């Protein structure tokens, strides 16, 4: 069980970093485009969709981890449970610094 939870925490961290990278990419694109550079030709850009998908994946995995840690029928050593709670709280603090409107579709607006 402990190996699975550590792997899940690793997936959460990677997902959070992917979200940050997608947001940075979107911010760079918007900065480069600027308000004066209107183009009639626009290529398909899946960044917004990728961002929403990654955030959905992140939230589902995060909620699953919270559920596992809250389940008293699963046997963890208390030290392990506390360590996992602290790690999850750190990840939660990081994701809370991101404006959720930017993730949920406000990138273009």
N, C-alpha and C. Protein backbone atom coordinates (compact mmCIF):
# COMPACT_ATOMS: atom_id res chain seq x y z
N UNK A 1 0.83 -1.19 0.00
CA UNK A 1 0.00 0.00 0.00
C UNK A 1 0.87 1.25 0.00
N UNK A 2 1.95 1.26 0.78
CA UNK A 2 2.78 2.44 0.87
C UNK A 2 3.42 2.79 -0.47
N UNK A 3 3.84 1.78 -1.22
CA UNK A 3 4.44 2.04 -2.52
C UNK A 3 3.42 2.66 -3.47
N UNK A 4 2.18 2.20 -3.43
CA UNK A 4 1.14 2.75 -4.29
C UNK A 4 0.85 4.21 -3.94
N UNK A 5 0.82 4.54 -2.66
CA UNK A 5 0.54 5.92 -2.27
C UNK A 5 1.70 6.83 -2.65
N UNK A 6 2.91 6.35 -2.52
CA UNK A 6 4.07 7.16 -2.94
C UNK A 6 4.05 7.37 -4.45
N UNK A 7 3.66 6.34 -5.19
CA UNK A 7 3.55 6.49 -6.65
C UNK A 7 2.44 7.49 -7.01
N UNK A 8 1.35 7.44 -6.27
CA UNK A 8 0.25 8.38 -6.52
C UNK A 8 0.69 9.81 -6.20
N UNK A 9 1.43 10.01 -5.12
CA UNK A 9 1.96 11.34 -4.81
C UNK A 9 2.89 11.82 -5.92
N UNK A 10 3.70 10.93 -6.44
CA UNK A 10 4.58 11.28 -7.56
C UNK A 10 3.79 11.69 -8.78
N UNK A 11 2.71 10.97 -9.06
CA UNK A 11 1.84 11.33 -10.19
C UNK A 11 1.19 12.69 -9.97
N UNK A 12 0.77 12.96 -8.75
CA UNK A 12 0.19 14.27 -8.44
C UNK A 12 1.21 15.38 -8.66
N UNK A 13 2.43 15.17 -8.20
CA UNK A 13 3.47 16.18 -8.38
C UNK A 13 3.76 16.42 -9.87
N UNK A 14 3.85 15.34 -10.63
CA UNK A 14 4.10 15.48 -12.07
C UNK A 14 2.95 16.19 -12.76
N UNK A 15 1.73 15.87 -12.35
CA UNK A 15 0.56 16.52 -12.92
C UNK A 15 0.57 18.01 -12.60
N UNK A 16 0.90 18.37 -11.37
CA UNK A 16 0.97 19.77 -10.99
C UNK A 16 2.03 20.50 -11.82
N UNK A 17 3.18 19.88 -12.01
CA UNK A 17 4.22 20.50 -12.82
C UNK A 17 3.78 20.65 -14.28
N UNK A 18 3.04 19.68 -14.77
CA UNK A 18 2.51 19.77 -16.14
C UNK A 18 1.52 20.92 -16.25
N UNK A 19 0.67 21.09 -15.26
CA UNK A 19 -0.28 22.21 -15.23
C UNK A 19 0.48 23.53 -15.26
N UNK A 20 1.51 23.65 -14.44
CA UNK A 20 2.30 24.87 -14.40
C UNK A 20 2.97 25.13 -15.75
N UNK A 21 3.48 24.09 -16.38
CA UNK A 21 4.13 24.25 -17.69
C UNK A 21 3.13 24.70 -18.76
N UNK A 22 1.95 24.10 -18.74
CA UNK A 22 0.92 24.50 -19.71
C UNK A 22 0.50 25.95 -19.50
N UNK A 23 0.35 26.36 -18.25
CA UNK A 23 0.00 27.75 -17.96
C UNK A 23 1.11 28.70 -18.40
N UNK A 24 2.34 28.33 -18.18
CA UNK A 24 3.47 29.17 -18.60
C UNK A 24 3.51 29.28 -20.12
N UNK A 25 3.26 28.17 -20.80
CA UNK A 25 3.24 28.18 -22.26
C UNK A 25 2.13 29.10 -22.77
N UNK A 26 0.96 29.00 -22.17
CA UNK A 26 -0.17 29.83 -22.59
C UNK A 26 0.14 31.30 -22.33
N UNK A 27 0.75 31.59 -21.20
CA UNK A 27 1.09 32.97 -20.87
C UNK A 27 2.12 33.51 -21.87
N UNK A 28 3.09 32.71 -22.23
CA UNK A 28 4.09 33.10 -23.22
C UNK A 28 3.44 33.39 -24.57
N UNK A 29 2.54 32.51 -24.99
CA UNK A 29 1.86 32.71 -26.28
C UNK A 29 1.06 34.00 -26.28
N UNK A 30 0.34 34.24 -25.20
CA UNK A 30 -0.47 35.46 -25.12
C UNK A 30 0.41 36.70 -25.09
N UNK A 31 1.54 36.62 -24.42
CA UNK A 31 2.46 37.74 -24.38
C UNK A 31 3.07 38.03 -25.73
N UNK A 32 3.39 36.98 -26.47
CA UNK A 32 3.95 37.15 -27.81
C UNK A 32 2.93 37.68 -28.79
N UNK A 33 1.69 37.24 -28.65
CA UNK A 33 0.65 37.68 -29.59
C UNK A 33 0.36 39.16 -29.38
N UNK A 34 0.27 39.57 -28.14
CA UNK A 34 0.01 40.97 -27.83
C UNK A 34 -1.32 41.43 -28.39
N UNK A 35 -1.79 42.58 -27.96
CA UNK A 35 -3.09 43.08 -28.41
C UNK A 35 -3.06 43.59 -29.85
N UNK A 36 -1.90 43.95 -30.38
CA UNK A 36 -1.82 44.53 -31.72
C UNK A 36 -1.66 43.49 -32.81
N UNK A 37 -1.32 42.29 -32.45
CA UNK A 37 -1.02 41.26 -33.45
C UNK A 37 -2.23 40.36 -33.69
N UNK A 38 -3.17 40.85 -34.42
CA UNK A 38 -4.32 40.03 -34.78
C UNK A 38 -4.03 39.34 -36.09
N UNK A 39 -4.22 38.07 -36.10
CA UNK A 39 -3.95 37.29 -37.30
C UNK A 39 -5.23 36.62 -37.76
N UNK A 40 -5.45 36.63 -39.05
CA UNK A 40 -6.62 35.94 -39.57
C UNK A 40 -6.37 34.45 -39.65
N UNK A 41 -5.12 34.05 -39.70
CA UNK A 41 -4.78 32.63 -39.75
C UNK A 41 -4.40 32.17 -38.35
N UNK A 42 -5.15 31.21 -37.83
CA UNK A 42 -4.84 30.67 -36.51
C UNK A 42 -4.81 29.15 -36.58
N UNK A 43 -3.73 28.59 -36.12
CA UNK A 43 -3.60 27.14 -36.08
C UNK A 43 -4.35 26.60 -34.85
N UNK A 44 -4.77 25.36 -34.96
CA UNK A 44 -5.41 24.71 -33.82
C UNK A 44 -4.39 24.59 -32.69
N UNK A 45 -4.79 25.02 -31.51
CA UNK A 45 -3.91 24.96 -30.35
C UNK A 45 -4.64 24.22 -29.23
N UNK A 46 -4.18 23.03 -28.91
CA UNK A 46 -4.88 22.23 -27.89
C UNK A 46 -4.50 22.56 -26.45
N UNK A 47 -3.75 23.63 -26.22
CA UNK A 47 -3.26 23.93 -24.87
C UNK A 47 -4.38 24.04 -23.85
N UNK A 48 -5.44 24.78 -24.17
CA UNK A 48 -6.54 24.95 -23.21
C UNK A 48 -7.19 23.61 -22.87
N UNK A 49 -7.41 22.81 -23.89
CA UNK A 49 -8.01 21.50 -23.67
C UNK A 49 -7.08 20.60 -22.85
N UNK A 50 -5.81 20.64 -23.16
CA UNK A 50 -4.84 19.85 -22.40
C UNK A 50 -4.82 20.29 -20.94
N UNK A 51 -4.90 21.58 -20.73
CA UNK A 51 -4.89 22.11 -19.37
C UNK A 51 -6.12 21.66 -18.59
N UNK A 52 -7.28 21.74 -19.19
CA UNK A 52 -8.49 21.29 -18.51
C UNK A 52 -8.43 19.78 -18.23
N UNK A 53 -7.93 19.01 -19.18
CA UNK A 53 -7.81 17.56 -18.98
C UNK A 53 -6.83 17.24 -17.85
N UNK A 54 -5.71 17.93 -17.83
CA UNK A 54 -4.71 17.67 -16.79
C UNK A 54 -5.25 18.06 -15.42
N UNK A 55 -5.96 19.18 -15.36
CA UNK A 55 -6.53 19.61 -14.09
C UNK A 55 -7.59 18.62 -13.61
N UNK A 56 -8.40 18.11 -14.53
CA UNK A 56 -9.40 17.10 -14.16
C UNK A 56 -8.73 15.85 -13.61
N UNK A 57 -7.67 15.41 -14.28
CA UNK A 57 -6.90 14.25 -13.82
C UNK A 57 -6.34 14.53 -12.43
N UNK A 58 -5.78 15.73 -12.24
CA UNK A 58 -5.20 16.10 -10.95
C UNK A 58 -6.25 16.07 -9.85
N UNK A 59 -7.40 16.69 -10.09
CA UNK A 59 -8.45 16.76 -9.06
C UNK A 59 -8.94 15.36 -8.71
N UNK A 60 -9.16 14.52 -9.71
CA UNK A 60 -9.63 13.16 -9.44
C UNK A 60 -8.62 12.38 -8.60
N UNK A 61 -7.35 12.49 -8.96
CA UNK A 61 -6.33 11.77 -8.21
C UNK A 61 -6.18 12.36 -6.80
N UNK A 62 -6.24 13.67 -6.69
CA UNK A 62 -6.12 14.32 -5.39
C UNK A 62 -7.26 13.88 -4.46
N UNK A 63 -8.47 13.90 -4.97
CA UNK A 63 -9.61 13.49 -4.15
C UNK A 63 -9.52 12.01 -3.79
N UNK A 64 -9.03 11.20 -4.69
CA UNK A 64 -8.83 9.78 -4.39
C UNK A 64 -7.83 9.57 -3.27
N UNK A 65 -6.74 10.35 -3.30
CA UNK A 65 -5.74 10.25 -2.23
C UNK A 65 -6.33 10.69 -0.90
N UNK A 66 -7.10 11.76 -0.90
CA UNK A 66 -7.73 12.21 0.35
C UNK A 66 -8.66 11.14 0.90
N UNK A 67 -9.36 10.49 -0.01
CA UNK A 67 -10.29 9.44 0.41
C UNK A 67 -9.52 8.26 1.03
N UNK A 68 -8.44 7.88 0.40
CA UNK A 68 -7.62 6.78 0.92
C UNK A 68 -7.08 7.13 2.30
N UNK A 69 -6.57 8.33 2.45
CA UNK A 69 -6.00 8.72 3.74
C UNK A 69 -7.06 8.85 4.83
N UNK A 70 -8.28 9.17 4.45
CA UNK A 70 -9.35 9.30 5.42
C UNK A 70 -10.02 7.99 5.78
N UNK A 71 -9.72 6.94 5.03
CA UNK A 71 -10.33 5.64 5.26
C UNK A 71 -9.61 4.92 6.42
N UNK A 72 -10.28 4.83 7.54
CA UNK A 72 -9.68 4.20 8.72
C UNK A 72 -9.61 2.68 8.62
N UNK A 73 -10.28 2.11 7.63
CA UNK A 73 -10.23 0.66 7.47
C UNK A 73 -8.96 0.21 6.74
N UNK A 74 -8.31 1.15 6.07
CA UNK A 74 -7.02 0.84 5.44
C UNK A 74 -5.94 1.01 6.49
N UNK A 75 -5.12 0.04 6.61
CA UNK A 75 -4.13 0.04 7.68
C UNK A 75 -2.82 0.66 7.22
N UNK A 76 -2.56 1.83 7.74
CA UNK A 76 -1.29 2.53 7.57
C UNK A 76 -0.70 2.71 8.95
N UNK A 77 0.60 2.72 9.02
CA UNK A 77 1.22 3.17 10.26
C UNK A 77 0.87 4.64 10.39
N UNK A 78 0.65 5.10 11.60
CA UNK A 78 0.24 6.51 11.79
C UNK A 78 1.30 7.47 11.26
N UNK A 79 2.57 7.12 11.41
CA UNK A 79 3.64 7.97 10.89
C UNK A 79 3.56 8.08 9.36
N UNK A 80 3.24 6.97 8.72
CA UNK A 80 3.09 6.97 7.26
C UNK A 80 1.90 7.80 6.84
N UNK A 81 0.80 7.63 7.53
CA UNK A 81 -0.41 8.40 7.23
C UNK A 81 -0.14 9.90 7.37
N UNK A 82 0.55 10.28 8.44
CA UNK A 82 0.85 11.70 8.67
C UNK A 82 1.80 12.24 7.60
N UNK A 83 2.79 11.45 7.24
CA UNK A 83 3.72 11.85 6.17
C UNK A 83 2.95 12.09 4.87
N UNK A 84 2.06 11.19 4.53
CA UNK A 84 1.29 11.33 3.30
C UNK A 84 0.37 12.55 3.37
N UNK A 85 -0.22 12.79 4.53
CA UNK A 85 -1.07 13.99 4.71
C UNK A 85 -0.27 15.26 4.50
N UNK A 86 0.94 15.30 5.04
CA UNK A 86 1.77 16.49 4.88
C UNK A 86 2.16 16.70 3.42
N UNK A 87 2.48 15.61 2.74
CA UNK A 87 2.84 15.71 1.33
C UNK A 87 1.64 16.20 0.50
N UNK A 88 0.48 15.67 0.80
CA UNK A 88 -0.74 16.07 0.09
C UNK A 88 -1.08 17.54 0.38
N UNK A 89 -0.87 17.97 1.62
CA UNK A 89 -1.12 19.38 1.98
C UNK A 89 -0.18 20.31 1.24
N UNK A 90 1.07 19.89 1.07
CA UNK A 90 2.03 20.69 0.31
C UNK A 90 1.60 20.82 -1.15
N UNK A 91 1.17 19.74 -1.74
CA UNK A 91 0.69 19.77 -3.12
C UNK A 91 -0.54 20.65 -3.23
N UNK A 92 -1.43 20.55 -2.25
CA UNK A 92 -2.64 21.36 -2.25
C UNK A 92 -2.29 22.85 -2.16
N UNK A 93 -1.33 23.20 -1.33
CA UNK A 93 -0.91 24.61 -1.22
C UNK A 93 -0.40 25.12 -2.56
N UNK A 94 0.36 24.29 -3.24
CA UNK A 94 0.90 24.71 -4.53
C UNK A 94 -0.19 24.91 -5.57
N UNK A 95 -1.15 24.00 -5.63
CA UNK A 95 -2.21 24.14 -6.63
C UNK A 95 -3.13 25.30 -6.28
N UNK A 96 -3.26 25.63 -5.01
CA UNK A 96 -4.10 26.75 -4.61
C UNK A 96 -3.52 28.10 -5.00
N UNK A 97 -2.23 28.14 -5.32
CA UNK A 97 -1.63 29.39 -5.77
C UNK A 97 -1.98 29.70 -7.23
N UNK A 98 -2.52 28.72 -7.91
CA UNK A 98 -2.90 28.90 -9.32
C UNK A 98 -4.34 29.39 -9.37
N UNK A 99 -4.57 30.41 -10.16
CA UNK A 99 -5.92 30.93 -10.34
C UNK A 99 -6.76 29.88 -11.07
N UNK A 100 -7.78 29.29 -10.43
CA UNK A 100 -8.54 28.22 -11.08
C UNK A 100 -9.28 28.67 -12.33
N UNK A 101 -9.61 29.96 -12.45
CA UNK A 101 -10.29 30.45 -13.65
C UNK A 101 -9.41 30.25 -14.88
N UNK A 102 -8.10 30.41 -14.72
CA UNK A 102 -7.19 30.21 -15.84
C UNK A 102 -7.20 28.75 -16.30
N UNK A 103 -7.41 27.85 -15.38
CA UNK A 103 -7.40 26.43 -15.72
C UNK A 103 -8.72 26.01 -16.35
N UNK A 104 -9.81 26.49 -15.83
CA UNK A 104 -11.13 26.00 -16.24
C UNK A 104 -11.67 26.63 -17.50
N UNK A 105 -10.87 27.33 -18.24
CA UNK A 105 -11.35 27.83 -19.52
C UNK A 105 -11.19 29.30 -19.72
N UNK A 106 -10.63 30.00 -18.77
CA UNK A 106 -10.49 31.43 -18.91
C UNK A 106 -9.19 31.85 -19.57
N UNK A 107 -8.47 30.88 -20.13
CA UNK A 107 -7.19 31.21 -20.74
C UNK A 107 -7.35 32.14 -21.94
N UNK A 108 -8.40 31.94 -22.69
CA UNK A 108 -8.55 32.73 -23.90
C UNK A 108 -9.27 34.04 -23.63
N UNK A 109 -9.91 34.15 -22.48
CA UNK A 109 -10.70 35.33 -22.22
C UNK A 109 -10.11 36.25 -21.22
